[in-house]
Amino acid sequence: MRELVKAFKALSDETRLRILSLLMERGCCVCEVMQALDISQTRASRNLSALYDAGFLKLRKDGLWSLYSIDRDGMEKYFSNLVDAVRKALEGNKVVDMDRERLREAERVGPGCVTRMRK
């Protein structure tokens, strides 16, 4: 029961739903999430952490970057069903569509991304 409560809490935030939607497209590092959602590094990291802690995401290192992606193999079946429900619910959402468009332009800019991205 505790896992389910944690999952629903993680999904009860607009930013986390938008991030989950991005990760349905492809794995992302923090700076790509920052660019796609036009949010600070702190906000992106905090929300990625919440989704990771709830069991929706996996993390892998790729050089300088920590890449987050949806953990379809490691999550419980009902978590996968929740992710599918989120995907269906966000179909055609204008904000999510704009996020995905910005993700196409996002770049992995390295450790200095925070100072370069937030002008």
N, C-alpha and C. Protein backbone atom coordinates (compact mmCIF):
# COMPACT_ATOMS: atom_id res chain seq x y z
N MET A 1 0.82 -1.19 0.00
CA MET A 1 0.00 0.00 0.00
C MET A 1 0.87 1.26 0.00
N ARG A 2 1.96 1.23 0.75
CA ARG A 2 2.86 2.39 0.86
C ARG A 2 3.42 2.78 -0.50
N GLU A 3 3.81 1.77 -1.32
CA GLU A 3 4.34 2.05 -2.66
C GLU A 3 3.31 2.74 -3.54
N LEU A 4 2.07 2.31 -3.44
CA LEU A 4 1.01 2.89 -4.25
C LEU A 4 0.75 4.34 -3.87
N VAL A 5 0.76 4.63 -2.58
CA VAL A 5 0.58 6.00 -2.11
C VAL A 5 1.72 6.88 -2.62
N LYS A 6 2.94 6.37 -2.53
CA LYS A 6 4.11 7.12 -3.01
C LYS A 6 4.00 7.38 -4.52
N ALA A 7 3.53 6.40 -5.26
CA ALA A 7 3.37 6.55 -6.71
C ALA A 7 2.35 7.63 -7.04
N PHE A 8 1.22 7.60 -6.36
CA PHE A 8 0.19 8.61 -6.63
C PHE A 8 0.64 10.00 -6.20
N LYS A 9 1.39 10.09 -5.13
CA LYS A 9 1.93 11.39 -4.72
C LYS A 9 2.88 11.92 -5.78
N ALA A 10 3.71 11.04 -6.34
CA ALA A 10 4.65 11.45 -7.38
C ALA A 10 3.92 11.94 -8.62
N LEU A 11 2.78 11.35 -8.91
CA LEU A 11 2.02 11.72 -10.10
C LEU A 11 1.06 12.89 -9.86
N SER A 12 1.03 13.41 -8.65
CA SER A 12 0.06 14.46 -8.32
C SER A 12 0.59 15.87 -8.57
N ASP A 13 1.67 15.98 -9.33
CA ASP A 13 2.29 17.27 -9.59
C ASP A 13 2.41 17.48 -11.09
N GLU A 14 2.03 18.66 -11.58
CA GLU A 14 2.06 18.94 -13.02
C GLU A 14 3.47 18.82 -13.60
N THR A 15 4.46 19.34 -12.90
CA THR A 15 5.84 19.27 -13.41
C THR A 15 6.28 17.83 -13.56
N ARG A 16 5.97 16.98 -12.60
CA ARG A 16 6.37 15.58 -12.69
C ARG A 16 5.63 14.86 -13.82
N LEU A 17 4.38 15.21 -14.07
CA LEU A 17 3.66 14.63 -15.21
C LEU A 17 4.30 15.06 -16.52
N ARG A 18 4.71 16.32 -16.60
CA ARG A 18 5.36 16.82 -17.81
C ARG A 18 6.71 16.12 -18.02
N ILE A 19 7.45 15.92 -16.93
CA ILE A 19 8.74 15.20 -17.03
C ILE A 19 8.51 13.77 -17.48
N LEU A 20 7.55 13.11 -16.89
CA LEU A 20 7.24 11.73 -17.28
C LEU A 20 6.91 11.66 -18.76
N SER A 21 6.18 12.63 -19.24
CA SER A 21 5.83 12.68 -20.66
C SER A 21 7.09 12.81 -21.53
N LEU A 22 8.04 13.64 -21.11
CA LEU A 22 9.30 13.76 -21.85
C LEU A 22 10.03 12.43 -21.90
N LEU A 23 10.05 11.76 -20.76
CA LEU A 23 10.79 10.50 -20.67
C LEU A 23 10.11 9.37 -21.42
N MET A 24 8.86 9.57 -21.80
CA MET A 24 8.19 8.60 -22.67
C MET A 24 8.74 8.73 -24.09
N GLU A 25 9.29 9.90 -24.42
CA GLU A 25 9.90 10.13 -25.72
C GLU A 25 11.29 9.51 -25.78
N ARG A 26 12.10 9.81 -24.72
CA ARG A 26 13.48 9.30 -24.67
C ARG A 26 14.07 9.61 -23.31
N GLY A 27 15.18 8.95 -23.01
CA GLY A 27 15.90 9.25 -21.79
C GLY A 27 16.48 10.65 -21.85
N CYS A 28 16.55 11.32 -20.70
CA CYS A 28 17.01 12.70 -20.64
C CYS A 28 17.93 12.91 -19.45
N CYS A 29 18.85 13.87 -19.61
CA CYS A 29 19.62 14.33 -18.46
C CYS A 29 18.91 15.55 -17.88
N VAL A 30 19.38 16.00 -16.74
CA VAL A 30 18.73 17.12 -16.05
C VAL A 30 18.70 18.36 -16.93
N CYS A 31 19.80 18.66 -17.62
CA CYS A 31 19.83 19.90 -18.42
C CYS A 31 18.85 19.84 -19.59
N GLU A 32 18.57 18.67 -20.13
CA GLU A 32 17.57 18.55 -21.20
C GLU A 32 16.17 18.80 -20.65
N VAL A 33 15.90 18.28 -19.45
CA VAL A 33 14.61 18.53 -18.80
C VAL A 33 14.45 20.02 -18.51
N MET A 34 15.53 20.65 -18.03
CA MET A 34 15.51 22.09 -17.76
C MET A 34 15.11 22.86 -19.02
N GLN A 35 15.74 22.53 -20.13
CA GLN A 35 15.47 23.24 -21.37
C GLN A 35 14.06 22.99 -21.89
N ALA A 36 13.64 21.75 -21.86
CA ALA A 36 12.33 21.39 -22.42
C ALA A 36 11.18 22.00 -21.62
N LEU A 37 11.33 22.07 -20.30
CA LEU A 37 10.26 22.61 -19.46
C LEU A 37 10.51 24.07 -19.06
N ASP A 38 11.69 24.60 -19.40
CA ASP A 38 12.08 25.96 -19.03
C ASP A 38 11.96 26.16 -17.52
N ILE A 39 12.64 25.26 -16.79
CA ILE A 39 12.65 25.32 -15.32
C ILE A 39 14.09 25.31 -14.83
N SER A 40 14.26 25.61 -13.55
CA SER A 40 15.60 25.65 -12.96
C SER A 40 16.16 24.24 -12.77
N GLN A 41 17.47 24.19 -12.57
CA GLN A 41 18.13 22.90 -12.32
C GLN A 41 17.61 22.29 -11.03
N THR A 42 17.42 23.10 -10.01
CA THR A 42 16.92 22.60 -8.73
C THR A 42 15.56 21.96 -8.88
N ARG A 43 14.67 22.65 -9.58
CA ARG A 43 13.31 22.13 -9.76
C ARG A 43 13.33 20.84 -10.59
N ALA A 44 14.13 20.82 -11.66
CA ALA A 44 14.22 19.62 -12.49
C ALA A 44 14.75 18.44 -11.67
N SER A 45 15.83 18.66 -10.94
CA SER A 45 16.45 17.58 -10.15
C SER A 45 15.52 17.07 -9.07
N ARG A 46 14.85 17.99 -8.37
CA ARG A 46 13.95 17.61 -7.29
C ARG A 46 12.80 16.75 -7.81
N ASN A 47 12.24 17.13 -8.96
CA ASN A 47 11.12 16.38 -9.50
C ASN A 47 11.55 15.06 -10.13
N LEU A 48 12.71 15.02 -10.75
CA LEU A 48 13.25 13.74 -11.24
C LEU A 48 13.49 12.79 -10.07
N SER A 49 14.01 13.33 -8.97
CA SER A 49 14.25 12.52 -7.77
C SER A 49 12.96 11.93 -7.23
N ALA A 50 11.90 12.72 -7.21
CA ALA A 50 10.61 12.23 -6.71
C ALA A 50 10.10 11.08 -7.56
N LEU A 51 10.22 11.20 -8.87
CA LEU A 51 9.79 10.12 -9.77
C LEU A 51 10.68 8.89 -9.63
N TYR A 52 11.98 9.11 -9.44
CA TYR A 52 12.92 8.02 -9.24
C TYR A 52 12.63 7.30 -7.92
N ASP A 53 12.47 8.06 -6.85
CA ASP A 53 12.20 7.48 -5.53
C ASP A 53 10.89 6.71 -5.49
N ALA A 54 9.92 7.13 -6.29
CA ALA A 54 8.63 6.45 -6.33
C ALA A 54 8.69 5.16 -7.14
N GLY A 55 9.78 4.96 -7.90
CA GLY A 55 9.94 3.71 -8.64
C GLY A 55 9.59 3.78 -10.11
N PHE A 56 9.39 4.98 -10.65
CA PHE A 56 9.04 5.12 -12.06
C PHE A 56 10.26 5.17 -12.98
N LEU A 57 11.40 5.62 -12.45
CA LEU A 57 12.56 5.88 -13.29
C LEU A 57 13.76 5.02 -12.92
N LYS A 58 14.64 4.89 -13.90
CA LYS A 58 15.96 4.33 -13.63
C LYS A 58 16.98 5.38 -14.05
N LEU A 59 18.17 5.22 -13.53
CA LEU A 59 19.23 6.18 -13.75
C LEU A 59 20.47 5.45 -14.23
N ARG A 60 21.09 5.98 -15.26
CA ARG A 60 22.36 5.41 -15.71
C ARG A 60 23.30 6.55 -16.04
N LYS A 61 24.58 6.30 -15.82
CA LYS A 61 25.61 7.29 -16.09
C LYS A 61 26.10 7.12 -17.53
N ASP A 62 26.30 8.25 -18.21
CA ASP A 62 26.86 8.25 -19.55
C ASP A 62 27.86 9.40 -19.61
N GLY A 63 29.12 9.10 -19.26
CA GLY A 63 30.14 10.14 -19.18
C GLY A 63 29.80 11.13 -18.08
N LEU A 64 29.66 12.39 -18.44
CA LEU A 64 29.34 13.45 -17.48
C LEU A 64 27.87 13.46 -17.07
N TRP A 65 27.04 12.81 -17.85
CA TRP A 65 25.61 12.94 -17.67
C TRP A 65 24.99 11.76 -16.91
N SER A 66 23.98 12.11 -16.15
CA SER A 66 23.12 11.11 -15.52
C SER A 66 21.83 11.10 -16.31
N LEU A 67 21.55 9.99 -16.96
CA LEU A 67 20.38 9.89 -17.82
C LEU A 67 19.25 9.16 -17.12
N TYR A 68 18.10 9.81 -17.09
CA TYR A 68 16.90 9.23 -16.50
C TYR A 68 16.03 8.68 -17.61
N SER A 69 15.41 7.54 -17.35
CA SER A 69 14.45 6.96 -18.28
C SER A 69 13.41 6.19 -17.48
N ILE A 70 12.32 5.88 -18.14
CA ILE A 70 11.25 5.11 -17.49
C ILE A 70 11.74 3.68 -17.30
N ASP A 71 11.54 3.15 -16.11
CA ASP A 71 12.03 1.82 -15.75
C ASP A 71 10.94 0.76 -15.97
N ARG A 72 10.60 0.53 -17.22
CA ARG A 72 9.52 -0.43 -17.54
C ARG A 72 9.85 -1.84 -17.04
N ASP A 73 11.12 -2.23 -17.11
CA ASP A 73 11.50 -3.58 -16.70
C ASP A 73 11.50 -3.75 -15.18
N GLY A 74 11.86 -2.71 -14.46
CA GLY A 74 12.01 -2.82 -13.02
C GLY A 74 10.77 -2.46 -12.21
N MET A 75 9.78 -1.85 -12.85
CA MET A 75 8.61 -1.41 -12.08
C MET A 75 7.54 -2.48 -12.00
N GLU A 76 6.74 -2.34 -10.99
CA GLU A 76 5.60 -3.24 -10.82
C GLU A 76 4.63 -3.07 -12.00
N LYS A 77 3.86 -4.10 -12.28
CA LYS A 77 2.91 -4.07 -13.41
C LYS A 77 1.95 -2.90 -13.31
N TYR A 78 1.44 -2.65 -12.11
CA TYR A 78 0.47 -1.56 -11.99
C TYR A 78 1.13 -0.20 -12.19
N PHE A 79 2.44 -0.07 -11.94
CA PHE A 79 3.16 1.16 -12.24
C PHE A 79 3.17 1.38 -13.75
N SER A 80 3.42 0.32 -14.49
CA SER A 80 3.41 0.40 -15.95
C SER A 80 2.03 0.83 -16.44
N ASN A 81 0.99 0.32 -15.81
CA ASN A 81 -0.37 0.72 -16.17
C ASN A 81 -0.60 2.20 -15.86
N LEU A 82 -0.03 2.69 -14.76
CA LEU A 82 -0.15 4.11 -14.41
C LEU A 82 0.55 4.98 -15.46
N VAL A 83 1.74 4.56 -15.89
CA VAL A 83 2.47 5.31 -16.91
C VAL A 83 1.67 5.34 -18.20
N ASP A 84 1.07 4.22 -18.58
CA ASP A 84 0.23 4.18 -19.78
C ASP A 84 -0.98 5.09 -19.65
N ALA A 85 -1.57 5.14 -18.46
CA ALA A 85 -2.71 6.02 -18.23
C ALA A 85 -2.31 7.48 -18.34
N VAL A 86 -1.13 7.82 -17.83
CA VAL A 86 -0.63 9.20 -17.95
C VAL A 86 -0.42 9.53 -19.42
N ARG A 87 0.18 8.63 -20.16
CA ARG A 87 0.42 8.86 -21.59
C ARG A 87 -0.89 9.15 -22.32
N LYS A 88 -1.90 8.32 -22.07
CA LYS A 88 -3.20 8.50 -22.72
C LYS A 88 -3.85 9.81 -22.31
N ALA A 89 -3.76 10.14 -21.02
CA ALA A 89 -4.39 11.36 -20.51
C ALA A 89 -3.74 12.62 -21.08
N LEU A 90 -2.45 12.56 -21.41
CA LEU A 90 -1.73 13.74 -21.89
C LEU A 90 -1.71 13.87 -23.41
N GLU A 91 -2.30 12.89 -24.12
CA GLU A 91 -2.35 12.97 -25.58
C GLU A 91 -3.07 14.24 -25.99
N GLY A 92 -2.44 15.00 -26.87
CA GLY A 92 -3.06 16.22 -27.38
C GLY A 92 -2.99 17.41 -26.44
N ASN A 93 -2.33 17.28 -25.30
CA ASN A 93 -2.18 18.39 -24.36
C ASN A 93 -1.20 19.40 -24.96
N LYS A 94 -1.61 20.65 -25.07
CA LYS A 94 -0.78 21.67 -25.74
C LYS A 94 0.52 21.94 -24.99
N VAL A 95 0.49 21.97 -23.67
CA VAL A 95 1.70 22.21 -22.88
C VAL A 95 2.69 21.08 -23.10
N VAL A 96 2.22 19.86 -23.04
CA VAL A 96 3.07 18.68 -23.23
C VAL A 96 3.63 18.65 -24.66
N ASP A 97 2.80 19.01 -25.63
CA ASP A 97 3.28 19.05 -27.02
C ASP A 97 4.40 20.07 -27.18
N MET A 98 4.27 21.22 -26.52
CA MET A 98 5.32 22.24 -26.58
C MET A 98 6.59 21.76 -25.88
N ASP A 99 6.42 21.07 -24.74
CA ASP A 99 7.58 20.49 -24.03
C ASP A 99 8.34 19.54 -24.95
N ARG A 100 7.61 18.69 -25.63
CA ARG A 100 8.25 17.71 -26.52
C ARG A 100 8.95 18.39 -27.69
N GLU A 101 8.37 19.47 -28.18
CA GLU A 101 9.01 20.23 -29.26
C GLU A 101 10.31 20.85 -28.78
N ARG A 102 10.30 21.42 -27.58
CA ARG A 102 11.54 21.99 -27.02
C ARG A 102 12.56 20.90 -26.73
N LEU A 103 12.11 19.70 -26.38
CA LEU A 103 13.03 18.59 -26.13
C LEU A 103 13.80 18.25 -27.41
N ARG A 104 13.16 18.36 -28.55
CA ARG A 104 13.85 18.07 -29.81
C ARG A 104 15.04 19.00 -30.04
N GLU A 105 14.97 20.21 -29.47
CA GLU A 105 16.03 21.21 -29.62
C GLU A 105 17.02 21.19 -28.46
N ALA A 106 16.70 20.46 -27.40
CA ALA A 106 17.52 20.47 -26.19
C ALA A 106 18.87 19.81 -26.45
N GLU A 107 19.88 20.31 -25.73
CA GLU A 107 21.24 19.79 -25.86
C GLU A 107 21.80 19.41 -24.51
N ARG A 108 22.65 18.40 -24.51
CA ARG A 108 23.40 18.05 -23.30
C ARG A 108 24.62 18.96 -23.28
N VAL A 109 24.59 19.92 -22.38
CA VAL A 109 25.64 20.94 -22.40
C VAL A 109 26.68 20.77 -21.30
N GLY A 110 26.58 19.76 -20.49
CA GLY A 110 27.62 19.47 -19.51
C GLY A 110 27.41 20.13 -18.17
N PRO A 111 28.43 20.03 -17.30
CA PRO A 111 28.31 20.48 -15.92
C PRO A 111 27.99 21.97 -15.78
N GLY A 112 28.37 22.78 -16.76
CA GLY A 112 28.10 24.20 -16.68
C GLY A 112 26.74 24.60 -17.22
N CYS A 113 25.87 23.63 -17.44
CA CYS A 113 24.59 23.92 -18.10
C CYS A 113 23.73 24.89 -17.31
N VAL A 114 23.82 24.86 -16.00
CA VAL A 114 22.97 25.72 -15.19
C VAL A 114 23.27 27.19 -15.48
N THR A 115 24.53 27.56 -15.50
CA THR A 115 24.87 28.96 -15.74
C THR A 115 24.65 29.34 -17.19
N ARG A 116 24.83 28.42 -18.10
CA ARG A 116 24.63 28.74 -19.52
C ARG A 116 23.15 28.78 -19.89
N MET A 117 22.34 27.95 -19.27
CA MET A 117 20.94 27.84 -19.66
C MET A 117 20.07 28.95 -19.08
N ARG A 118 20.32 29.38 -17.88
CA ARG A 118 19.48 30.36 -17.21
C ARG A 118 20.05 31.75 -17.43
N LYS A 119 19.64 32.41 -18.49
CA LYS A 119 20.15 33.74 -18.81
C LYS A 119 19.29 34.81 -18.19
